[in-house]
Amino acid sequence: MKLTETKVRVLKPREKAYQGADGHGLVAEVHPGGAVSWVYRYRFQGRPQSVRLGQYPVITLREARDKRLEAARLVAQGKSPSAEKKAAKRALNAGMTVSEVPDVYVDEIVRRDRKDSAIMERYFRREINPTIGSLFPSDVTPRHVLTITDRMKERGVPMAALDARNLLKRFFDFAIARQI
């Protein structure tokens, strides 16, 4: 049964998230906090996938249907709407690889909070940048961080490995807050 603006407006939050279907893969996902998100569910190369289209009421039902239609056209062309959205996001941050973000992070955070930032800068220069410096921050996985820390532990510097892991956590928190 298709949704209407009135039906979407009166969707109430529950203890767990739930979805109200509009048809053709478009659903209104209602979160426990009361937020309503538009999601397009589709199959790409035999696998179920989904892409978020925006939040209601910023994106109306009509706009969500239009966005769903655009996403369905991408699927028909053999492209994944989810992958296209990620690529567009990367284009916004073009050039902001992991090796370039630390300059901003060190200037804004590390030098302000520490008397001597040389150790943190050395971790970036010697340990982090050679391994993940060419990646976009959004492409870094926990496996990359484990590679860095395991390599440091093997060299016999477990406390430095812990410091580097903590530095990376704060660094990525900073990158997330700056929408990088």
C-alpha atoms as a PDB file:
ATOM      1  CA  MET A   1       0.000   0.000   0.000  1.00  0.00           C
ATOM      2  CA  LYS A   2       1.465   3.335  -1.051  1.00  0.00           C
ATOM      3  CA  LEU A   3       2.334   5.971   1.481  1.00  0.00           C
ATOM      4  CA  THR A   4       0.767   9.421   1.523  1.00  0.00           C
ATOM      5  CA  GLU A   5       2.107  12.625   3.074  1.00  0.00           C
ATOM      6  CA  THR A   6      -0.437  12.216   5.883  1.00  0.00           C
ATOM      7  CA  LYS A   7       0.615   8.624   6.589  1.00  0.00           C
ATOM      8  CA  VAL A   8       4.280   9.645   6.694  1.00  0.00           C
ATOM      9  CA  ARG A   9       3.543  12.612   8.946  1.00  0.00           C
ATOM     10  CA  VAL A  10       1.782  10.417  11.542  1.00  0.00           C
ATOM     11  CA  LEU A  11       4.414   7.654  11.684  1.00  0.00           C
ATOM     12  CA  LYS A  12       5.276   7.261  15.362  1.00  0.00           C
ATOM     13  CA  PRO A  13       8.571   6.000  16.790  1.00  0.00           C
ATOM     14  CA  ARG A  14       8.661   2.588  18.435  1.00  0.00           C
ATOM     15  CA  GLU A  15      11.162   0.862  20.668  1.00  0.00           C
ATOM     16  CA  LYS A  16      12.919  -0.525  17.567  1.00  0.00           C
ATOM     17  CA  ALA A  17      13.325   0.975  14.101  1.00  0.00           C
ATOM     18  CA  TYR A  18      10.730  -0.078  11.557  1.00  0.00           C
ATOM     19  CA  GLN A  19       9.891   0.616   7.928  1.00  0.00           C
ATOM     20  CA  GLY A  20       6.795   1.731   6.077  1.00  0.00           C
ATOM     21  CA  ALA A  21       6.852   0.654   2.433  1.00  0.00           C
ATOM     22  CA  ASP A  22       5.820   2.921  -0.426  1.00  0.00           C
ATOM     23  CA  GLY A  23       6.515   0.433  -3.192  1.00  0.00           C
ATOM     24  CA  HIS A  24       9.209  -0.186  -5.803  1.00  0.00           C
ATOM     25  CA  GLY A  25      11.855  -0.423  -3.047  1.00  0.00           C
ATOM     26  CA  LEU A  26      11.183   2.953  -1.413  1.00  0.00           C
ATOM     27  CA  VAL A  27      10.637   2.788   2.343  1.00  0.00           C
ATOM     28  CA  ALA A  28      10.240   5.308   5.136  1.00  0.00           C
ATOM     29  CA  GLU A  29      12.473   4.107   7.970  1.00  0.00           C
ATOM     30  CA  VAL A  30      11.266   5.303  11.384  1.00  0.00           C
ATOM     31  CA  HIS A  31      13.958   5.413  14.083  1.00  0.00           C
ATOM     32  CA  PRO A  32      13.318   5.122  17.835  1.00  0.00           C
ATOM     33  CA  GLY A  33      14.238   8.803  18.274  1.00  0.00           C
ATOM     34  CA  GLY A  34      11.471   9.817  15.884  1.00  0.00           C
ATOM     35  CA  ALA A  35      13.559  10.604  12.792  1.00  0.00           C
ATOM     36  CA  VAL A  36      12.161   9.354   9.480  1.00  0.00           C
ATOM     37  CA  SER A  37      14.634   8.510   6.696  1.00  0.00           C
ATOM     38  CA  TRP A  38      13.921   7.635   3.087  1.00  0.00           C
ATOM     39  CA  VAL A  39      15.699   4.473   1.955  1.00  0.00           C
ATOM     40  CA  TYR A  40      15.753   2.842  -1.468  1.00  0.00           C
ATOM     41  CA  ARG A  41      16.278  -0.932  -1.313  1.00  0.00           C
ATOM     42  CA  TYR A  42      17.410  -2.663  -4.496  1.00  0.00           C
ATOM     43  CA  ARG A  43      19.342  -5.630  -5.817  1.00  0.00           C
ATOM     44  CA  PHE A  44      22.658  -5.032  -7.547  1.00  0.00           C
ATOM     45  CA  GLN A  45      24.637  -7.908  -9.078  1.00  0.00           C
ATOM     46  CA  GLY A  46      22.377 -10.335  -7.224  1.00  0.00           C
ATOM     47  CA  ARG A  47      22.926  -8.813  -3.797  1.00  0.00           C
ATOM     48  CA  PRO A  48      20.502  -6.722  -1.763  1.00  0.00           C
ATOM     49  CA  GLN A  49      21.703  -3.158  -1.218  1.00  0.00           C
ATOM     50  CA  SER A  50      20.225   0.102  -0.035  1.00  0.00           C
ATOM     51  CA  VAL A  51      20.928   3.795  -0.242  1.00  0.00           C
ATOM     52  CA  ARG A  52      19.651   6.576   2.009  1.00  0.00           C
ATOM     53  CA  LEU A  53      17.883   9.315   0.100  1.00  0.00           C
ATOM     54  CA  GLY A  54      17.419  11.846   2.903  1.00  0.00           C
ATOM     55  CA  GLN A  55      15.271  12.632   5.911  1.00  0.00           C
ATOM     56  CA  TYR A  56      11.641  13.590   6.113  1.00  0.00           C
ATOM     57  CA  PRO A  57      10.411  16.406   6.152  1.00  0.00           C
ATOM     58  CA  VAL A  58      13.464  17.929   4.437  1.00  0.00           C
ATOM     59  CA  ILE A  59      12.867  15.460   1.601  1.00  0.00           C
ATOM     60  CA  THR A  60       9.139  15.180   0.913  1.00  0.00           C
ATOM     61  CA  LEU A  61       7.427  12.009  -0.268  1.00  0.00           C
ATOM     62  CA  ARG A  62       7.322  13.341  -3.833  1.00  0.00           C
ATOM     63  CA  GLU A  63      11.052  14.208  -3.765  1.00  0.00           C
ATOM     64  CA  ALA A  64      11.861  10.788  -2.292  1.00  0.00           C
ATOM     65  CA  ARG A  65       9.965   9.123  -5.130  1.00  0.00           C
ATOM     66  CA  ASP A  66      11.895  11.228  -7.659  1.00  0.00           C
ATOM     67  CA  LYS A  67      15.203  10.271  -6.028  1.00  0.00           C
ATOM     68  CA  ARG A  68      14.137   6.617  -6.006  1.00  0.00           C
ATOM     69  CA  LEU A  69      13.427   6.858  -9.724  1.00  0.00           C
ATOM     70  CA  GLU A  70      16.887   8.348 -10.360  1.00  0.00           C
ATOM     71  CA  ALA A  71      18.477   5.552  -8.311  1.00  0.00           C
ATOM     72  CA  ALA A  72      16.463   2.908 -10.194  1.00  0.00           C
ATOM     73  CA  ARG A  73      17.752   4.377 -13.471  1.00  0.00           C
ATOM     74  CA  LEU A  74      21.323   3.980 -12.206  1.00  0.00           C
ATOM     75  CA  VAL A  75      20.640   0.329 -11.375  1.00  0.00           C
ATOM     76  CA  ALA A  76      19.190  -0.161 -14.874  1.00  0.00           C
ATOM     77  CA  GLN A  77      22.435   1.310 -16.302  1.00  0.00           C
ATOM     78  CA  GLY A  78      24.468  -1.219 -14.300  1.00  0.00           C
ATOM     79  CA  LYS A  79      25.617   1.243 -11.634  1.00  0.00           C
ATOM     80  CA  SER A  80      25.152   0.996  -7.892  1.00  0.00           C
ATOM     81  CA  PRO A  81      23.451   4.097  -6.430  1.00  0.00           C
ATOM     82  CA  SER A  82      25.234   3.460  -3.139  1.00  0.00           C
ATOM     83  CA  ALA A  83      28.658   3.360  -4.834  1.00  0.00           C
ATOM     84  CA  GLU A  84      27.802   6.466  -6.861  1.00  0.00           C
ATOM     85  CA  LYS A  85      26.850   8.331  -3.675  1.00  0.00           C
ATOM     86  CA  LYS A  86      30.143   7.339  -2.018  1.00  0.00           C
ATOM     87  CA  ALA A  87      32.085   8.442  -5.103  1.00  0.00           C
ATOM     88  CA  ALA A  88      30.330  11.815  -5.048  1.00  0.00           C
ATOM     89  CA  LYS A  89      31.210  12.196  -1.374  1.00  0.00           C
ATOM     90  CA  ARG A  90      34.855  11.428  -2.142  1.00  0.00           C
ATOM     91  CA  ALA A  91      34.815  14.029  -4.896  1.00  0.00           C
ATOM     92  CA  LEU A  92      33.737  16.615  -2.318  1.00  0.00           C
ATOM     93  CA  ASN A  93      36.834  15.813  -0.294  1.00  0.00           C
ATOM     94  CA  ALA A  94      39.081  15.359  -3.326  1.00  0.00           C
ATOM     95  CA  GLY A  95      42.708  15.582  -2.391  1.00  0.00           C
ATOM     96  CA  MET A  96      42.059  15.120   1.314  1.00  0.00           C
ATOM     97  CA  THR A  97      43.945  11.885   1.805  1.00  0.00           C
ATOM     98  CA  VAL A  98      45.008  10.624   5.208  1.00  0.00           C
ATOM     99  CA  SER A  99      48.480  12.093   4.651  1.00  0.00           C
ATOM    100  CA  GLU A 100      47.059  15.611   4.117  1.00  0.00           C
ATOM    101  CA  VAL A 101      44.560  15.739   6.988  1.00  0.00           C
ATOM    102  CA  PRO A 102      47.182  15.440   9.802  1.00  0.00           C
ATOM    103  CA  ASP A 103      48.553  18.870   8.954  1.00  0.00           C
ATOM    104  CA  VAL A 104      45.194  20.392   9.851  1.00  0.00           C
ATOM    105  CA  TYR A 105      44.765  18.075  12.853  1.00  0.00           C
ATOM    106  CA  VAL A 106      48.230  18.810  14.265  1.00  0.00           C
ATOM    107  CA  ASP A 107      47.773  22.575  13.828  1.00  0.00           C
ATOM    108  CA  GLU A 108      44.279  22.728  15.341  1.00  0.00           C
ATOM    109  CA  ILE A 109      44.422  20.062  18.053  1.00  0.00           C
ATOM    110  CA  VAL A 110      47.812  18.550  18.877  1.00  0.00           C
ATOM    111  CA  ARG A 111      49.852  21.757  19.114  1.00  0.00           C
ATOM    112  CA  ARG A 112      47.116  23.363  21.187  1.00  0.00           C
ATOM    113  CA  ASP A 113      46.880  20.468  23.661  1.00  0.00           C
ATOM    114  CA  ARG A 114      50.534  19.438  23.981  1.00  0.00           C
ATOM    115  CA  LYS A 115      53.715  21.265  24.801  1.00  0.00           C
ATOM    116  CA  ASP A 116      55.667  19.046  22.415  1.00  0.00           C
ATOM    117  CA  SER A 117      53.885  17.737  19.314  1.00  0.00           C
ATOM    118  CA  ALA A 118      57.022  16.153  17.795  1.00  0.00           C
ATOM    119  CA  ILE A 119      56.184  12.608  18.895  1.00  0.00           C
ATOM    120  CA  MET A 120      52.692  12.748  17.410  1.00  0.00           C
ATOM    121  CA  GLU A 121      54.018  14.225  14.184  1.00  0.00           C
ATOM    122  CA  ARG A 122      56.655  11.487  14.039  1.00  0.00           C
ATOM    123  CA  TYR A 123      53.949   8.790  14.395  1.00  0.00           C
ATOM    124  CA  PHE A 124      52.176  10.270  11.391  1.00  0.00           C
ATOM    125  CA  ARG A 125      55.361  10.626   9.370  1.00  0.00           C
ATOM    126  CA  ARG A 126      56.977   7.241  10.144  1.00  0.00           C
ATOM    127  CA  GLU A 127      54.151   4.860  10.999  1.00  0.00           C
ATOM    128  CA  ILE A 128      50.798   6.071   9.681  1.00  0.00           C
ATOM    129  CA  ASN A 129      51.465   7.841   6.364  1.00  0.00           C
ATOM    130  CA  PRO A 130      53.563   5.052   4.805  1.00  0.00           C
ATOM    131  CA  THR A 131      50.718   2.573   5.415  1.00  0.00           C
ATOM    132  CA  ILE A 132      47.498   4.549   4.885  1.00  0.00           C
ATOM    133  CA  GLY A 133      48.615   7.997   3.757  1.00  0.00           C
ATOM    134  CA  SER A 134      47.385   7.569   0.191  1.00  0.00           C
ATOM    135  CA  LEU A 135      43.872   6.468   1.233  1.00  0.00           C
ATOM    136  CA  PHE A 136      40.829   8.631   1.767  1.00  0.00           C
ATOM    137  CA  PRO A 137      39.882   8.710   5.467  1.00  0.00           C
ATOM    138  CA  SER A 138      36.565   7.023   4.630  1.00  0.00           C
ATOM    139  CA  ASP A 139      38.424   4.066   3.081  1.00  0.00           C
ATOM    140  CA  VAL A 140      40.498   3.246   6.170  1.00  0.00           C
ATOM    141  CA  THR A 141      39.343   0.106   7.965  1.00  0.00           C
ATOM    142  CA  PRO A 142      40.173  -1.345  11.393  1.00  0.00           C
ATOM    143  CA  ARG A 143      42.414  -3.811   9.552  1.00  0.00           C
ATOM    144  CA  HIS A 144      44.637  -0.898   8.447  1.00  0.00           C
ATOM    145  CA  VAL A 145      44.966   0.329  12.037  1.00  0.00           C
ATOM    146  CA  LEU A 146      45.802  -3.189  13.234  1.00  0.00           C
ATOM    147  CA  THR A 147      48.501  -3.441  10.570  1.00  0.00           C
ATOM    148  CA  ILE A 148      50.137  -0.279  11.874  1.00  0.00           C
ATOM    149  CA  THR A 149      49.957  -1.248  15.549  1.00  0.00           C
ATOM    150  CA  ASP A 150      50.985  -4.884  14.977  1.00  0.00           C
ATOM    151  CA  ARG A 151      54.044  -3.768  13.025  1.00  0.00           C
ATOM    152  CA  MET A 152      55.044  -1.487  15.912  1.00  0.00           C
ATOM    153  CA  LYS A 153      54.523  -4.269  18.481  1.00  0.00           C
ATOM    154  CA  GLU A 154      56.709  -6.615  16.421  1.00  0.00           C
ATOM    155  CA  ARG A 155      59.483  -4.013  16.574  1.00  0.00           C
ATOM    156  CA  GLY A 156      59.237  -4.128  20.373  1.00  0.00           C
ATOM    157  CA  VAL A 157      57.460  -0.831  21.089  1.00  0.00           C
ATOM    158  CA  PRO A 158      54.044  -1.866  22.444  1.00  0.00           C
ATOM    159  CA  MET A 159      53.454   1.393  24.350  1.00  0.00           C
ATOM    160  CA  ALA A 160      54.189   3.411  21.224  1.00  0.00           C
ATOM    161  CA  ALA A 161      51.730   1.171  19.350  1.00  0.00           C
ATOM    162  CA  LEU A 162      49.076   1.997  21.953  1.00  0.00           C
ATOM    163  CA  ASP A 163      49.864   5.715  21.620  1.00  0.00           C
ATOM    164  CA  ALA A 164      49.580   5.471  17.821  1.00  0.00           C
ATOM    165  CA  ARG A 165      46.226   3.676  18.085  1.00  0.00           C
ATOM    166  CA  ASN A 166      44.912   6.346  20.452  1.00  0.00           C
ATOM    167  CA  LEU A 167      46.233   9.056  18.152  1.00  0.00           C
ATOM    168  CA  LEU A 168      44.436   7.457  15.200  1.00  0.00           C
ATOM    169  CA  LYS A 169      41.186   7.266  17.170  1.00  0.00           C
ATOM    170  CA  ARG A 170      41.346  10.969  18.037  1.00  0.00           C
ATOM    171  CA  PHE A 171      42.438  11.792  14.482  1.00  0.00           C
ATOM    172  CA  PHE A 172      39.448   9.993  12.932  1.00  0.00           C
ATOM    173  CA  ASP A 173      37.074  11.540  15.479  1.00  0.00           C
ATOM    174  CA  PHE A 174      38.429  14.908  14.284  1.00  0.00           C
ATOM    175  CA  ALA A 175      38.002  13.905  10.613  1.00  0.00           C
ATOM    176  CA  ILE A 176      34.411  12.802  11.256  1.00  0.00           C
ATOM    177  CA  ALA A 177      33.599  16.014  13.085  1.00  0.00           C
ATOM    178  CA  ARG A 178      35.025  18.019  10.164  1.00  0.00           C
ATOM    179  CA  GLN A 179      33.082  15.861   7.689  1.00  0.00           C
ATOM    180  CA  ILE A 180      36.269  14.738   5.995  1.00  0.00           C
END
